[in-house]
C-alpha atoms as a PDB file:
ATOM      1  CA  UNK A   1       9.395  -9.172  -5.290  1.00  0.00           C
ATOM      2  CA  UNK A   2      12.454  -7.808  -3.487  1.00  0.00           C
ATOM      3  CA  UNK A   3      12.399  -4.634  -5.598  1.00  0.00           C
ATOM      4  CA  UNK A   4       9.114  -3.621  -3.935  1.00  0.00           C
ATOM      5  CA  UNK A   5      10.626  -4.040  -0.472  1.00  0.00           C
ATOM      6  CA  UNK A   6      13.583  -1.791  -1.219  1.00  0.00           C
ATOM      7  CA  UNK A   7      11.741   1.024  -2.981  1.00  0.00           C
ATOM      8  CA  UNK A   8      10.467   4.035  -1.058  1.00  0.00           C
ATOM      9  CA  UNK A   9       6.789   4.878  -1.011  1.00  0.00           C
ATOM     10  CA  UNK A  10       5.681   7.782  -3.170  1.00  0.00           C
ATOM     11  CA  UNK A  11       4.055  10.802  -1.546  1.00  0.00           C
ATOM     12  CA  UNK A  12       0.768   9.603  -3.057  1.00  0.00           C
ATOM     13  CA  UNK A  13       1.076   6.219  -1.302  1.00  0.00           C
ATOM     14  CA  UNK A  14       1.992   7.885   1.992  1.00  0.00           C
ATOM     15  CA  UNK A  15      -0.993  10.246   1.728  1.00  0.00           C
ATOM     16  CA  UNK A  16      -3.275   7.291   0.923  1.00  0.00           C
ATOM     17  CA  UNK A  17      -2.001   5.389   3.990  1.00  0.00           C
ATOM     18  CA  UNK A  18      -2.536   8.414   6.217  1.00  0.00           C
ATOM     19  CA  UNK A  19      -6.066   8.880   4.893  1.00  0.00           C
ATOM     20  CA  UNK A  20      -6.831   5.208   5.601  1.00  0.00           C
ATOM     21  CA  UNK A  21      -5.589   5.619   9.178  1.00  0.00           C
ATOM     22  CA  UNK A  22      -7.689   8.757   9.605  1.00  0.00           C
ATOM     23  CA  UNK A  23     -10.853   7.084   8.284  1.00  0.00           C
ATOM     24  CA  UNK A  24     -10.362   3.958  10.381  1.00  0.00           C
ATOM     25  CA  UNK A  25      -9.609   5.927  13.537  1.00  0.00           C
ATOM     26  CA  UNK A  26     -12.732   8.023  12.974  1.00  0.00           C
ATOM     27  CA  UNK A  27     -14.895   4.889  12.768  1.00  0.00           C
ATOM     28  CA  UNK A  28     -13.779   3.569  16.156  1.00  0.00           C
ATOM     29  CA  UNK A  29     -13.277   6.904  17.946  1.00  0.00           C
ATOM     30  CA  UNK A  30      -9.491   6.475  18.033  1.00  0.00           C
ATOM     31  CA  UNK A  31      -7.346   9.467  17.056  1.00  0.00           C
ATOM     32  CA  UNK A  32      -4.874   9.182  14.184  1.00  0.00           C
ATOM     33  CA  UNK A  33      -2.096   9.926  16.690  1.00  0.00           C
ATOM     34  CA  UNK A  34      -3.238   6.976  18.817  1.00  0.00           C
ATOM     35  CA  UNK A  35      -3.329   4.722  15.717  1.00  0.00           C
ATOM     36  CA  UNK A  36       0.229   5.763  14.861  1.00  0.00           C
ATOM     37  CA  UNK A  37       1.382   5.068  18.434  1.00  0.00           C
ATOM     38  CA  UNK A  38      -0.257   1.615  18.317  1.00  0.00           C
ATOM     39  CA  UNK A  39       1.443   0.883  14.982  1.00  0.00           C
ATOM     40  CA  UNK A  40       4.843   1.986  16.331  1.00  0.00           C
ATOM     41  CA  UNK A  41       4.466  -0.052  19.523  1.00  0.00           C
ATOM     42  CA  UNK A  42       3.482  -3.190  17.604  1.00  0.00           C
ATOM     43  CA  UNK A  43       6.441  -2.724  15.228  1.00  0.00           C
ATOM     44  CA  UNK A  44       8.842  -2.260  18.163  1.00  0.00           C
ATOM     45  CA  UNK A  45       7.704  -5.461  19.910  1.00  0.00           C
ATOM     46  CA  UNK A  46       7.690  -7.636  16.786  1.00  0.00           C
ATOM     47  CA  UNK A  47      11.091  -6.257  15.725  1.00  0.00           C
ATOM     48  CA  UNK A  48      12.623  -7.912  18.811  1.00  0.00           C
ATOM     49  CA  UNK A  49      11.942 -11.306  17.247  1.00  0.00           C
ATOM     50  CA  UNK A  50      11.940 -10.769  13.485  1.00  0.00           C
ATOM     51  CA  UNK A  51      12.961  -8.301  10.823  1.00  0.00           C
ATOM     52  CA  UNK A  52       9.834  -6.632   9.412  1.00  0.00           C
ATOM     53  CA  UNK A  53       9.018  -4.157   6.652  1.00  0.00           C
ATOM     54  CA  UNK A  54       7.622  -1.272   8.717  1.00  0.00           C
ATOM     55  CA  UNK A  55       7.037   0.842   5.606  1.00  0.00           C
ATOM     56  CA  UNK A  56       4.548  -1.711   4.231  1.00  0.00           C
ATOM     57  CA  UNK A  57       2.854  -2.747   7.455  1.00  0.00           C
ATOM     58  CA  UNK A  58      -0.834  -1.957   7.808  1.00  0.00           C
ATOM     59  CA  UNK A  59      -2.869  -1.727  11.006  1.00  0.00           C
ATOM     60  CA  UNK A  60      -6.661  -1.521  10.951  1.00  0.00           C
ATOM     61  CA  UNK A  61      -9.282  -1.300  13.644  1.00  0.00           C
ATOM     62  CA  UNK A  62     -12.777  -2.314  12.617  1.00  0.00           C
ATOM     63  CA  UNK A  63     -15.975  -3.076  14.465  1.00  0.00           C
ATOM     64  CA  UNK A  64     -17.123  -6.704  14.402  1.00  0.00           C
ATOM     65  CA  UNK A  65     -20.188  -8.451  15.764  1.00  0.00           C
ATOM     66  CA  UNK A  66     -19.933 -10.519  18.905  1.00  0.00           C
ATOM     67  CA  UNK A  67     -21.567 -13.946  18.636  1.00  0.00           C
ATOM     68  CA  UNK A  68     -25.100 -13.874  19.963  1.00  0.00           C
ATOM     69  CA  UNK A  69     -25.093 -10.102  20.572  1.00  0.00           C
ATOM     70  CA  UNK A  70     -26.081  -7.041  18.604  1.00  0.00           C
ATOM     71  CA  UNK A  71     -23.104  -5.067  19.937  1.00  0.00           C
ATOM     72  CA  UNK A  72     -20.031  -4.494  17.849  1.00  0.00           C
ATOM     73  CA  UNK A  73     -16.562  -4.610  19.382  1.00  0.00           C
ATOM     74  CA  UNK A  74     -13.456  -2.981  17.915  1.00  0.00           C
ATOM     75  CA  UNK A  75     -11.085  -5.556  16.386  1.00  0.00           C
ATOM     76  CA  UNK A  76      -7.453  -4.928  15.442  1.00  0.00           C
ATOM     77  CA  UNK A  77      -6.068  -6.422  12.238  1.00  0.00           C
ATOM     78  CA  UNK A  78      -2.381  -6.239  11.344  1.00  0.00           C
ATOM     79  CA  UNK A  79      -0.676  -6.998   8.029  1.00  0.00           C
ATOM     80  CA  UNK A  80       3.056  -7.006   8.763  1.00  0.00           C
ATOM     81  CA  UNK A  81       5.472  -8.244   6.082  1.00  0.00           C
ATOM     82  CA  UNK A  82       8.164 -10.434   7.696  1.00  0.00           C
ATOM     83  CA  UNK A  83      11.547 -10.161   5.990  1.00  0.00           C
ATOM     84  CA  UNK A  84      13.537 -12.536   8.182  1.00  0.00           C
ATOM     85  CA  UNK A  85      13.491 -14.244  11.585  1.00  0.00           C
ATOM     86  CA  UNK A  86      16.079 -13.215  14.159  1.00  0.00           C
ATOM     87  CA  UNK A  87      18.160 -15.984  15.664  1.00  0.00           C
END
């Protein structure tokens, strides 16, 4: 498990992550630059309280239905591996 944390991502994995960000940002009319800024800001805030694996973190924005409405609102999902809590 710890070997995966310490290894660097291959160029293929990096390209795949960038493509995911581009596709997601296109779906919700958010530029890839904006998605990257959101990801960096979230990482900076969470890093104040815990040590995280920023290389493996994933941020997604999707559109979800609102209860009782036909409209879809953008929803942010974050998968951020926590390595340790700061004391």
